Amino acid sequence: MSGRALRPAARILLRDAADRVLLFRFDPDDRPPFWCTPGGALDPGEDYATAARRELLEETGLPADPGPEVLQRDVEFITIEGVPVSADERYFHVRTDADAIDTSGHTALEQRVMTRWRWFTPAELSALDEPYFPGDLGEILAALEPDL
């Protein structure tokens, strides 16, 4: 395991009525900017679906059902706080009619590093010149049922 902290996390594949996906741009002090889906680590005692619902509300202001779990991945990375982790990430597919989100529920750290949000079409995502995670997001979205 190489001394990495275990980090169970719920991630949201949030798509709007135009089939665009929501990503947040992170601008950390110690690495180049990158984009990522909403979501985060489970709180003590939470299951993945509960964490997905909480993260969706905190990060987007949308009080929505997290939808079905559509993907599970084990990944290793260094968190924004500088902690090396082995993450068990569960992805939930959520549809919304909203085109704007409310970021007032962001923590102080999120307010500092999550500098922007944007809805991406599949073409815009594939043309993005900054890294985004997961790196195969376009393929994941294409494999999901379009009418979920």
Foldseek 3Di string as FASTA:
>chain_A
DPPAAEFEKEFEQEAEPVRWTKWFWFPAPPDHIEIETFIGGDDPPDDRQVRQQVRCCLAFVDNDRQADFDDWDWDWDADSVGGTHTYTYTYGYHYDNDPGGDNPSDDPNCVVTRPDMDTGDLVRVVVDPHHYPPNVVSVSSVPDDPPD
